[in-house]
Every structure is written in C-alpha cells, then in structure tokens.
Amino acid sequence: MFTPSPESVDFYRRMIGAFRDAEASGSAAVDFEGQNIDIAHVKTAEGVIELAEAIGL
C-alpha cells in the first residue's frame, strides 16, 4: 500500500495553498518550487492528503 511521507504531505499542503491563492487572483496555474501546478496536480495532492489523514499522518 502506498504511504505518503510526512514531507510529501507537507509539500502538497503548501502546493495547494499556493494554487488556491493564485486561483483567487484569477490564475488557472501557478509556479510552485520550480513546478507548474494546475488543477489536475491539486486533485492528485488532495487525494494523497486524504489518504495520509485516513492513516493518521
């Protein structure tokens, strides 16, 4: 079973925050730590965070 690391969960939470800030400003994507992030990345990150929370990370 895939278990995300605490570091990746932290990265995804920060990434989602950056995307949501950009989205509130009217952008559909954001550069985050050298990566171009769009809604598809956010949906994947949300799934990882949901899994992490379900297993108590």
PDB file of N, CA and C in Angstrom:
ATOM      1  N   MET A   1       0.843  -1.181   0.000  1.00  0.00           N
ATOM      2  CA  MET A   1       0.000   0.000   0.000  1.00  0.00           C
ATOM      3  C   MET A   1       0.890   1.246   0.000  1.00  0.00           C
ATOM      4  N   PHE A   2       0.516   2.216  -0.795  1.00  0.00           N
ATOM      5  CA  PHE A   2       1.240   3.482  -0.851  1.00  0.00           C
ATOM      6  C   PHE A   2       1.029   4.253   0.442  1.00  0.00           C
ATOM      7  N   THR A   3       2.124   4.681   1.039  1.00  0.00           N
ATOM      8  CA  THR A   3       2.057   5.528   2.231  1.00  0.00           C
ATOM      9  C   THR A   3       2.869   6.780   1.959  1.00  0.00           C
ATOM     10  N   PRO A   4       2.223   7.944   1.908  1.00  0.00           N
ATOM     11  CA  PRO A   4       2.968   9.176   1.644  1.00  0.00           C
ATOM     12  C   PRO A   4       3.844   9.543   2.840  1.00  0.00           C
ATOM     13  N   SER A   5       4.973  10.130   2.547  1.00  0.00           N
ATOM     14  CA  SER A   5       5.851  10.589   3.619  1.00  0.00           C
ATOM     15  C   SER A   5       5.305  11.891   4.205  1.00  0.00           C
ATOM     16  N   PRO A   6       5.648  12.180   5.451  1.00  0.00           N
ATOM     17  CA  PRO A   6       5.223  13.466   6.030  1.00  0.00           C
ATOM     18  C   PRO A   6       5.731  14.656   5.209  1.00  0.00           C
ATOM     19  N   GLU A   7       6.909  14.518   4.615  1.00  0.00           N
ATOM     20  CA  GLU A   7       7.458  15.601   3.787  1.00  0.00           C
ATOM     21  C   GLU A   7       6.618  15.830   2.539  1.00  0.00           C
ATOM     22  N   SER A   8       6.158  14.752   1.912  1.00  0.00           N
ATOM     23  CA  SER A   8       5.341  14.934   0.713  1.00  0.00           C
ATOM     24  C   SER A   8       3.972  15.504   1.062  1.00  0.00           C
ATOM     25  N   VAL A   9       3.418  15.108   2.196  1.00  0.00           N
ATOM     26  CA  VAL A   9       2.137  15.665   2.631  1.00  0.00           C
ATOM     27  C   VAL A   9       2.287  17.169   2.877  1.00  0.00           C
ATOM     28  N   ASP A  10       3.372  17.561   3.524  1.00  0.00           N
ATOM     29  CA  ASP A  10       3.634  18.982   3.760  1.00  0.00           C
ATOM     30  C   ASP A  10       3.776  19.735   2.437  1.00  0.00           C
ATOM     31  N   PHE A  11       4.524  19.154   1.495  1.00  0.00           N
ATOM     32  CA  PHE A  11       4.704  19.763   0.180  1.00  0.00           C
ATOM     33  C   PHE A  11       3.353  19.967  -0.498  1.00  0.00           C
ATOM     34  N   TYR A  12       2.528  18.929  -0.480  1.00  0.00           N
ATOM     35  CA  TYR A  12       1.227  19.019  -1.137  1.00  0.00           C
ATOM     36  C   TYR A  12       0.320  20.046  -0.470  1.00  0.00           C
ATOM     37  N   ARG A  13       0.367  20.134   0.828  1.00  0.00           N
ATOM     38  CA  ARG A  13      -0.453  21.153   1.511  1.00  0.00           C
ATOM     39  C   ARG A  13      -0.008  22.558   1.113  1.00  0.00           C
ATOM     40  N   ARG A  14       1.299  22.781   1.076  1.00  0.00           N
ATOM     41  CA  ARG A  14       1.806  24.097   0.672  1.00  0.00           C
ATOM     42  C   ARG A  14       1.491  24.379  -0.791  1.00  0.00           C
ATOM     43  N   MET A  15       1.596  23.355  -1.627  1.00  0.00           N
ATOM     44  CA  MET A  15       1.297  23.492  -3.046  1.00  0.00           C
ATOM     45  C   MET A  15      -0.165  23.882  -3.247  1.00  0.00           C
ATOM     46  N   ILE A  16      -1.069  23.215  -2.560  1.00  0.00           N
ATOM     47  CA  ILE A  16      -2.489  23.529  -2.673  1.00  0.00           C
ATOM     48  C   ILE A  16      -2.748  24.959  -2.214  1.00  0.00           C
ATOM     49  N   GLY A  17      -2.113  25.381  -1.132  1.00  0.00           N
ATOM     50  CA  GLY A  17      -2.272  26.753  -0.661  1.00  0.00           C
ATOM     51  C   GLY A  17      -1.833  27.766  -1.700  1.00  0.00           C
ATOM     52  N   ALA A  18      -0.687  27.507  -2.330  1.00  0.00           N
ATOM     53  CA  ALA A  18      -0.190  28.416  -3.369  1.00  0.00           C
ATOM     54  C   ALA A  18      -1.144  28.441  -4.556  1.00  0.00           C
ATOM     55  N   PHE A  19      -1.661  27.282  -4.933  1.00  0.00           N
ATOM     56  CA  PHE A  19      -2.600  27.234  -6.047  1.00  0.00           C
ATOM     57  C   PHE A  19      -3.876  27.987  -5.716  1.00  0.00           C
ATOM     58  N   ARG A  20      -4.400  27.783  -4.523  1.00  0.00           N
ATOM     59  CA  ARG A  20      -5.644  28.466  -4.135  1.00  0.00           C
ATOM     60  C   ARG A  20      -5.459  29.984  -4.119  1.00  0.00           C
ATOM     61  N   ASP A  21      -4.300  30.455  -3.666  1.00  0.00           N
ATOM     62  CA  ASP A  21      -4.010  31.892  -3.699  1.00  0.00           C
ATOM     63  C   ASP A  21      -4.001  32.406  -5.131  1.00  0.00           C
ATOM     64  N   ALA A  22      -3.349  31.661  -6.028  1.00  0.00           N
ATOM     65  CA  ALA A  22      -3.298  32.058  -7.433  1.00  0.00           C
ATOM     66  C   ALA A  22      -4.686  32.012  -8.062  1.00  0.00           C
ATOM     67  N   GLU A  23      -5.441  30.988  -7.715  1.00  0.00           N
ATOM     68  CA  GLU A  23      -6.794  30.838  -8.240  1.00  0.00           C
ATOM     69  C   GLU A  23      -7.670  32.014  -7.820  1.00  0.00           C
ATOM     70  N   ALA A  24      -7.514  32.462  -6.580  1.00  0.00           N
ATOM     71  CA  ALA A  24      -8.296  33.600  -6.085  1.00  0.00           C
ATOM     72  C   ALA A  24      -7.958  34.882  -6.839  1.00  0.00           C
ATOM     73  N   SER A  25      -6.755  34.920  -7.415  1.00  0.00           N
ATOM     74  CA  SER A  25      -6.332  36.077  -8.201  1.00  0.00           C
ATOM     75  C   SER A  25      -6.679  35.928  -9.676  1.00  0.00           C
ATOM     76  N   GLY A  26      -7.359  34.836 -10.027  1.00  0.00           N
ATOM     77  CA  GLY A  26      -7.798  34.643 -11.394  1.00  0.00           C
ATOM     78  C   GLY A  26      -6.901  33.761 -12.245  1.00  0.00           C
ATOM     79  N   SER A  27      -5.878  33.166 -11.668  1.00  0.00           N
ATOM     80  CA  SER A  27      -4.966  32.302 -12.430  1.00  0.00           C
ATOM     81  C   SER A  27      -5.447  30.856 -12.394  1.00  0.00           C
ATOM     82  N   ALA A  28      -5.147  30.137 -13.472  1.00  0.00           N
ATOM     83  CA  ALA A  28      -5.514  28.733 -13.548  1.00  0.00           C
ATOM     84  C   ALA A  28      -4.326  27.815 -13.263  1.00  0.00           C
ATOM     85  N   ALA A  29      -3.155  28.424 -13.047  1.00  0.00           N
ATOM     86  CA  ALA A  29      -1.952  27.651 -12.749  1.00  0.00           C
ATOM     87  C   ALA A  29      -1.001  28.552 -11.966  1.00  0.00           C
ATOM     88  N   VAL A  30      -0.027  27.911 -11.320  1.00  0.00           N
ATOM     89  CA  VAL A  30       0.940  28.656 -10.532  1.00  0.00           C
ATOM     90  C   VAL A  30       2.287  27.949 -10.612  1.00  0.00           C
ATOM     91  N   ASP A  31       3.368  28.715 -10.596  1.00  0.00           N
ATOM     92  CA  ASP A  31       4.697  28.132 -10.466  1.00  0.00           C
ATOM     93  C   ASP A  31       4.967  27.959  -8.984  1.00  0.00           C
ATOM     94  N   PHE A  32       5.244  26.729  -8.582  1.00  0.00           N
ATOM     95  CA  PHE A  32       5.484  26.426  -7.182  1.00  0.00           C
ATOM     96  C   PHE A  32       6.738  25.581  -7.075  1.00  0.00           C
ATOM     97  N   GLU A  33       7.734  26.127  -6.433  1.00  0.00           N
ATOM     98  CA  GLU A  33       9.008  25.430  -6.225  1.00  0.00           C
ATOM     99  C   GLU A  33       9.525  24.811  -7.528  1.00  0.00           C
ATOM    100  N   GLY A  34       9.470  25.600  -8.596  1.00  0.00           N
ATOM    101  CA  GLY A  34      10.002  25.171  -9.879  1.00  0.00           C
ATOM    102  C   GLY A  34       9.084  24.290 -10.704  1.00  0.00           C
ATOM    103  N   GLN A  35       7.867  24.083 -10.243  1.00  0.00           N
ATOM    104  CA  GLN A  35       6.913  23.254 -10.973  1.00  0.00           C
ATOM    105  C   GLN A  35       5.688  24.065 -11.342  1.00  0.00           C
ATOM    106  N   ASN A  36       5.154  23.797 -12.525  1.00  0.00           N
ATOM    107  CA  ASN A  36       3.921  24.440 -12.959  1.00  0.00           C
ATOM    108  C   ASN A  36       2.751  23.599 -12.452  1.00  0.00           C
ATOM    109  N   ILE A  37       1.930  24.177 -11.594  1.00  0.00           N
ATOM    110  CA  ILE A  37       0.854  23.454 -10.925  1.00  0.00           C
ATOM    111  C   ILE A  37      -0.493  23.923 -11.469  1.00  0.00           C
ATOM    112  N   ASP A  38      -1.326  22.950 -11.835  1.00  0.00           N
ATOM    113  CA  ASP A  38      -2.688  23.263 -12.258  1.00  0.00           C
ATOM    114  C   ASP A  38      -3.668  22.411 -11.446  1.00  0.00           C
ATOM    115  N   ILE A  39      -4.930  22.476 -11.799  1.00  0.00           N
ATOM    116  CA  ILE A  39      -5.970  21.812 -11.016  1.00  0.00           C
ATOM    117  C   ILE A  39      -5.778  20.293 -10.977  1.00  0.00           C
ATOM    118  N   ALA A  40      -5.233  19.705 -12.031  1.00  0.00           N
ATOM    119  CA  ALA A  40      -5.005  18.249 -12.030  1.00  0.00           C
ATOM    120  C   ALA A  40      -4.019  17.855 -10.932  1.00  0.00           C
ATOM    121  N   HIS A  41      -2.967  18.654 -10.767  1.00  0.00           N
ATOM    122  CA  HIS A  41      -1.998  18.394  -9.697  1.00  0.00           C
ATOM    123  C   HIS A  41      -2.651  18.543  -8.326  1.00  0.00           C
ATOM    124  N   VAL A  42      -3.497  19.539  -8.205  1.00  0.00           N
ATOM    125  CA  VAL A  42      -4.174  19.792  -6.928  1.00  0.00           C
ATOM    126  C   VAL A  42      -5.091  18.616  -6.578  1.00  0.00           C
ATOM    127  N   LYS A  43      -5.823  18.099  -7.549  1.00  0.00           N
ATOM    128  CA  LYS A  43      -6.712  16.960  -7.288  1.00  0.00           C
ATOM    129  C   LYS A  43      -5.907  15.741  -6.818  1.00  0.00           C
ATOM    130  N   THR A  44      -4.770  15.495  -7.452  1.00  0.00           N
ATOM    131  CA  THR A  44      -3.902  14.396  -7.025  1.00  0.00           C
ATOM    132  C   THR A  44      -3.408  14.630  -5.601  1.00  0.00           C
ATOM    133  N   ALA A  45      -2.957  15.855  -5.329  1.00  0.00           N
ATOM    134  CA  ALA A  45      -2.456  16.192  -3.994  1.00  0.00           C
ATOM    135  C   ALA A  45      -3.534  16.034  -2.939  1.00  0.00           C
ATOM    136  N   GLU A  46      -4.747  16.432  -3.258  1.00  0.00           N
ATOM    137  CA  GLU A  46      -5.851  16.275  -2.304  1.00  0.00           C
ATOM    138  C   GLU A  46      -6.097  14.803  -1.986  1.00  0.00           C
ATOM    139  N   GLY A  47      -5.958  13.945  -2.980  1.00  0.00           N
ATOM    140  CA  GLY A  47      -6.121  12.515  -2.745  1.00  0.00           C
ATOM    141  C   GLY A  47      -5.039  11.954  -1.838  1.00  0.00           C
ATOM    142  N   VAL A  48      -3.811  12.404  -2.032  1.00  0.00           N
ATOM    143  CA  VAL A  48      -2.710  11.963  -1.179  1.00  0.00           C
ATOM    144  C   VAL A  48      -2.923  12.436   0.253  1.00  0.00           C
ATOM    145  N   ILE A  49      -3.337  13.670   0.412  1.00  0.00           N
ATOM    146  CA  ILE A  49      -3.585  14.212   1.755  1.00  0.00           C
ATOM    147  C   ILE A  49      -4.746  13.465   2.417  1.00  0.00           C
ATOM    148  N   GLU A  50      -5.774  13.173   1.666  1.00  0.00           N
ATOM    149  CA  GLU A  50      -6.914  12.413   2.219  1.00  0.00           C
ATOM    150  C   GLU A  50      -6.441  11.040   2.714  1.00  0.00           C
ATOM    151  N   LEU A  51      -5.614  10.378   1.925  1.00  0.00           N
ATOM    152  CA  LEU A  51      -5.065   9.079   2.340  1.00  0.00           C
ATOM    153  C   LEU A  51      -4.221   9.230   3.595  1.00  0.00           C
ATOM    154  N   ALA A  52      -3.355  10.238   3.615  1.00  0.00           N
ATOM    155  CA  ALA A  52      -2.486  10.460   4.772  1.00  0.00           C
ATOM    156  C   ALA A  52      -3.299  10.689   6.040  1.00  0.00           C
ATOM    157  N   GLU A  53      -4.343  11.464   5.930  1.00  0.00           N
ATOM    158  CA  GLU A  53      -5.190  11.721   7.088  1.00  0.00           C
ATOM    159  C   GLU A  53      -5.929  10.454   7.534  1.00  0.00           C
ATOM    160  N   ALA A  54      -6.325   9.630   6.579  1.00  0.00           N
ATOM    161  CA  ALA A  54      -7.038   8.398   6.893  1.00  0.00           C
ATOM    162  C   ALA A  54      -6.161   7.405   7.661  1.00  0.00           C
ATOM    163  N   ILE A  55      -4.845   7.458   7.386  1.00  0.00           N
ATOM    164  CA  ILE A  55      -3.938   6.533   8.070  1.00  0.00           C
ATOM    165  C   ILE A  55      -3.220   7.207   9.239  1.00  0.00           C
ATOM    166  N   GLY A  56      -3.614   8.425   9.537  1.00  0.00           N
ATOM    167  CA  GLY A  56      -3.113   9.089  10.728  1.00  0.00           C
ATOM    168  C   GLY A  56      -1.815   9.843  10.608  1.00  0.00           C
ATOM    169  N   LEU A  57      -1.466  10.252   9.388  1.00  0.00           N
ATOM    170  CA  LEU A  57      -0.242  11.054   9.225  1.00  0.00           C
ATOM    171  C   LEU A  57      -0.515  12.517   9.436  1.00  0.00           C
TER     172      LEU A  57
END
